[in-house]
Amino acid sequence: MTRVLVVEDDPQLVRALVINMQARRYGVDAAPDGATALRLAAARQPDVVMLDLGLPDMDGVDVIKALRGWTRVPILVLSARQASGEKVAALDAGADDYITKPFSMDELLARLRAAVRRREDAPLVPEATVVETEEFSVDLLAKRVVRSGRDVRLTPTEWHLLEILITNPGRLVTQKHLLQEVWGVSQSNKTNYLRVYMAQLRRKLETDPSHPRHLITEPGMGYRFEG
């Protein structure tokens, strides 16, 4: 059974989430604050964490940072905060997805299924399991990225995007394909997710992120990896 930890202080929303997820055979634990969430995460080892940023005892971004100190569990942020700076802060701290309240339960469950797939899917293995560029190397089996002799920490979402691109070297990977594989959605209006995450990958991997050599944008179509 897939276990989900819901971190949310609104009892009505917690009840709705628990009912909907249990009906789909997810195991659910709920925490009303950050301290409880961190204790439950360590004790229950959830497969996915759903996290509100506005908690009564601490900011959700601090919960993300604490979790990322020891686990790569997918973290889905549920928040009424709509400012792009808030979203970037949560994603930079290690969140994998950001869902703005109010949201539809169908979309939330699609994002949850995508997060579970990212965690469970076996990696695609090309002929070479280690991909080398002048700036960085990627070990697909170890799920490890090294740049300038140092490990690069990627979130599960960043890793999944990079993995898809480098296992299709030189080929255009469409926006629709990436959205469907990584987030479980294919709507064209979700391409801002890709822009945010590709920008993060370039900041972490490219020597000059504004003029990338390896993670190439094909405007209006998708992305391509060049070794």
Protein backbone atom coordinates (compact mmCIF):
# COMPACT_ATOMS: atom_id res chain seq x y z
CA MET A 1 0.00 0.00 0.00
CA THR A 2 1.26 3.48 -0.91
CA ARG A 3 1.49 5.68 2.19
CA VAL A 4 0.83 9.42 2.03
CA LEU A 5 1.62 11.89 4.81
CA VAL A 6 -0.73 14.90 4.73
CA VAL A 7 0.63 17.95 6.57
CA GLU A 8 -2.26 20.42 6.88
CA ASP A 9 -3.90 22.34 9.73
CA ASP A 10 -7.35 22.76 8.10
CA PRO A 11 -9.44 19.87 9.53
CA GLN A 12 -12.04 20.03 6.73
CA LEU A 13 -9.42 19.77 3.99
CA VAL A 14 -7.64 16.97 5.83
CA ARG A 15 -10.91 15.05 6.10
CA ALA A 16 -11.62 15.49 2.36
CA LEU A 17 -8.10 14.38 1.41
CA VAL A 18 -8.18 11.36 3.71
CA ILE A 19 -11.60 10.22 2.42
CA ASN A 20 -10.59 10.59 -1.24
CA MET A 21 -7.24 8.87 -0.86
CA GLN A 22 -8.49 6.02 1.31
CA ALA A 23 -11.22 5.39 -1.26
CA ARG A 24 -8.41 4.83 -3.77
CA ARG A 25 -6.55 2.48 -1.42
CA TYR A 26 -3.84 4.85 -0.23
CA GLY A 27 -2.71 4.65 3.37
CA VAL A 28 -2.91 8.11 4.93
CA ASP A 29 -1.33 9.72 7.99
CA ALA A 30 -2.15 13.32 8.91
CA ALA A 31 -0.13 15.92 10.83
CA PRO A 32 -1.53 19.33 11.89
CA ASP A 33 1.87 20.99 12.27
CA GLY A 34 5.51 20.78 11.21
CA ALA A 35 6.90 19.12 14.32
CA THR A 36 4.34 16.31 14.15
CA ALA A 37 5.01 15.95 10.42
CA LEU A 38 8.73 15.44 10.94
CA ARG A 39 8.12 12.85 13.66
CA LEU A 40 5.60 10.95 11.52
CA ALA A 41 7.83 11.09 8.44
CA ALA A 42 10.65 9.42 10.37
CA ALA A 43 8.37 6.84 12.01
CA ARG A 44 6.08 5.95 9.09
CA GLN A 45 8.44 6.41 6.10
CA PRO A 46 5.73 7.70 3.70
CA ASP A 47 5.97 7.26 -0.06
CA VAL A 48 4.71 10.82 -0.71
CA VAL A 49 4.34 13.94 1.47
CA MET A 50 1.58 16.52 0.84
CA LEU A 51 2.52 19.72 2.64
CA ASP A 52 0.79 23.02 3.35
CA LEU A 53 3.23 25.92 3.71
CA GLY A 54 1.16 27.86 6.25
CA LEU A 55 1.56 25.72 9.38
CA PRO A 56 0.92 26.96 12.94
CA ASP A 57 4.36 26.17 14.36
CA MET A 58 6.82 26.60 11.49
CA ASP A 59 7.00 27.53 7.83
CA GLY A 60 6.46 24.69 5.39
CA VAL A 61 9.70 25.56 3.59
CA ASP A 62 11.58 24.72 6.78
CA VAL A 63 9.79 21.36 6.89
CA ILE A 64 10.92 20.70 3.31
CA LYS A 65 14.52 21.55 4.20
CA ALA A 66 14.41 19.28 7.25
CA LEU A 67 13.04 16.38 5.21
CA ARG A 68 15.59 16.89 2.45
CA GLY A 69 18.33 16.48 5.04
CA TRP A 70 17.67 12.73 5.07
CA THR A 71 15.08 11.65 2.46
CA ARG A 72 14.28 12.03 -1.24
CA VAL A 73 10.57 11.28 -0.72
CA PRO A 74 8.44 13.24 -3.25
CA ILE A 75 6.98 16.39 -1.64
CA LEU A 76 3.83 17.97 -3.08
CA VAL A 77 3.17 21.47 -1.75
CA LEU A 78 -0.48 22.50 -1.28
CA SER A 79 -0.66 26.22 -0.66
CA ALA A 80 -2.81 29.33 -1.03
CA ARG A 81 0.38 31.33 -1.61
CA GLN A 82 0.38 32.28 -5.30
CA ALA A 83 3.40 34.60 -5.56
CA SER A 84 6.08 33.19 -7.85
CA GLY A 85 8.72 33.91 -5.19
CA GLU A 86 6.92 31.63 -2.73
CA LYS A 87 6.80 28.86 -5.31
CA VAL A 88 10.46 29.23 -6.22
CA ALA A 89 11.44 29.15 -2.52
CA ALA A 90 9.54 25.90 -1.98
CA LEU A 91 10.95 24.30 -5.15
CA ASP A 92 14.50 25.43 -4.36
CA ALA A 93 14.15 23.95 -0.86
CA GLY A 94 13.43 20.58 -2.46
CA ALA A 95 9.69 20.34 -3.19
CA ASP A 96 8.77 18.35 -6.29
CA ASP A 97 5.46 19.96 -7.17
CA TYR A 98 3.40 23.02 -6.18
CA ILE A 99 -0.40 22.94 -6.24
CA THR A 100 -2.20 26.24 -5.62
CA LYS A 101 -5.36 26.26 -3.51
CA PRO A 102 -8.16 25.94 -4.37
CA PHE A 103 -7.48 22.87 -6.51
CA SER A 104 -9.60 20.14 -8.05
CA MET A 105 -9.39 16.74 -6.37
CA ASP A 106 -8.95 15.09 -9.79
CA GLU A 107 -5.86 17.16 -10.56
CA LEU A 108 -4.43 16.57 -7.09
CA LEU A 109 -4.88 12.81 -7.43
CA ALA A 110 -3.26 12.89 -10.90
CA ARG A 111 -0.25 14.70 -9.41
CA LEU A 112 -0.15 12.13 -6.60
CA ARG A 113 -0.16 9.24 -9.08
CA ALA A 114 2.67 10.90 -11.01
CA ALA A 115 4.71 11.31 -7.82
CA VAL A 116 4.21 7.62 -7.00
CA ARG A 117 5.31 6.63 -10.53
CA ARG A 118 8.47 8.72 -10.22
CA ARG A 119 9.31 6.89 -7.01
CA GLU A 120 8.50 3.40 -8.25
CA ASP A 121 9.43 3.35 -11.93
CA ALA A 122 12.65 1.57 -12.80
CA PRO A 123 15.07 3.94 -14.52
CA LEU A 124 15.50 3.75 -18.24
CA VAL A 125 18.95 2.35 -18.93
CA PRO A 126 20.61 3.29 -22.22
CA GLU A 127 23.65 1.54 -23.65
CA ALA A 128 25.91 3.63 -21.41
CA THR A 129 24.87 3.92 -17.76
CA VAL A 130 27.27 6.82 -17.16
CA VAL A 131 26.81 9.89 -19.36
CA GLU A 132 29.75 12.31 -19.47
CA THR A 133 29.80 15.94 -20.58
CA GLU A 134 32.56 18.54 -20.20
CA GLU A 135 30.68 20.11 -17.26
CA PHE A 136 29.12 17.16 -15.43
CA SER A 137 28.57 13.39 -15.39
CA VAL A 138 25.41 11.41 -14.73
CA ASP A 139 25.39 7.85 -13.34
CA LEU A 140 21.95 6.51 -14.24
CA LEU A 141 22.14 3.37 -12.10
CA ALA A 142 23.41 5.14 -8.99
CA LYS A 143 21.17 8.16 -9.68
CA ARG A 144 24.16 10.40 -9.08
CA VAL A 145 25.22 13.65 -10.73
CA VAL A 146 28.75 15.02 -10.30
CA ARG A 147 29.98 18.46 -11.36
CA SER A 148 33.52 19.71 -10.76
CA GLY A 149 34.19 16.73 -8.52
CA ARG A 150 31.19 17.40 -6.25
CA ASP A 151 27.83 15.67 -6.01
CA VAL A 152 24.92 17.76 -7.27
CA ARG A 153 21.77 17.37 -5.20
CA LEU A 154 18.68 17.03 -7.39
CA THR A 155 15.09 16.67 -6.25
CA PRO A 156 13.24 13.57 -7.54
CA THR A 157 11.41 15.75 -10.10
CA GLU A 158 14.64 17.32 -11.35
CA TRP A 159 16.21 13.87 -11.60
CA HIS A 160 13.24 12.45 -13.52
CA LEU A 161 13.36 15.28 -16.07
CA LEU A 162 17.11 14.93 -16.54
CA GLU A 163 16.83 11.14 -16.82
CA ILE A 164 14.24 11.36 -19.61
CA LEU A 165 16.33 13.85 -21.57
CA ILE A 166 19.70 12.11 -21.28
CA THR A 167 18.23 8.71 -22.18
CA ASN A 168 17.07 10.31 -25.45
CA PRO A 169 20.32 12.06 -26.49
CA GLY A 170 20.00 14.46 -29.39
CA ARG A 171 16.26 13.86 -29.69
CA LEU A 172 13.49 16.40 -29.17
CA VAL A 173 11.37 15.41 -26.17
CA THR A 174 8.05 17.23 -26.42
CA GLN A 175 6.54 19.35 -23.67
CA LYS A 176 3.46 17.13 -23.68
CA HIS A 177 5.54 13.97 -23.17
CA LEU A 178 7.50 15.49 -20.29
CA LEU A 179 4.37 16.82 -18.59
CA GLN A 180 2.66 13.45 -18.86
CA GLU A 181 5.67 11.45 -17.65
CA VAL A 182 6.72 13.70 -14.80
CA TRP A 183 3.51 15.30 -13.55
CA GLY A 184 0.75 13.12 -14.97
CA VAL A 185 -0.76 16.05 -16.88
CA SER A 186 -0.50 17.05 -20.51
CA GLN A 187 -2.35 20.38 -20.65
CA SER A 188 -0.42 23.00 -22.59
CA ASN A 189 -1.07 25.61 -19.89
CA LYS A 190 1.18 23.68 -17.48
CA THR A 191 4.36 24.40 -19.45
CA ASN A 192 5.40 26.87 -16.73
CA TYR A 193 6.33 23.80 -14.62
CA LEU A 194 8.84 22.81 -17.26
CA ARG A 195 10.32 26.29 -17.51
CA VAL A 196 10.85 26.47 -13.75
CA TYR A 197 12.45 23.03 -13.46
CA MET A 198 14.60 23.35 -16.57
CA ALA A 199 15.88 26.68 -15.23
CA GLN A 200 16.77 24.96 -11.96
CA LEU A 201 18.58 22.13 -13.75
CA ARG A 202 20.56 24.62 -15.83
CA ARG A 203 21.55 26.59 -12.72
CA LYS A 204 22.85 23.39 -11.16
CA LEU A 205 24.54 21.87 -14.23
CA GLU A 206 25.38 24.41 -16.92
CA THR A 207 28.44 26.67 -16.80
CA ASP A 208 26.37 29.49 -18.32
CA PRO A 209 22.69 28.77 -17.58
CA SER A 210 21.53 31.60 -19.85
CA HIS A 211 23.37 30.00 -22.79
CA PRO A 212 23.04 26.25 -22.13
CA ARG A 213 25.21 23.78 -24.04
CA HIS A 214 23.51 20.57 -22.93
CA LEU A 215 19.90 21.24 -21.89
CA ILE A 216 18.53 22.86 -25.01
CA THR A 217 15.11 24.46 -25.49
CA GLU A 218 13.29 23.92 -28.77
CA PRO A 219 10.93 26.92 -28.58
CA GLY A 220 7.26 25.98 -28.53
CA MET A 221 8.08 22.27 -28.89
CA GLY A 222 10.13 20.82 -26.05
CA TYR A 223 13.68 20.11 -24.90
CA ARG A 224 16.75 18.20 -26.07
CA PHE A 225 19.91 16.91 -24.39
CA GLU A 226 23.23 17.32 -26.19
CA GLY A 227 26.24 15.55 -24.69
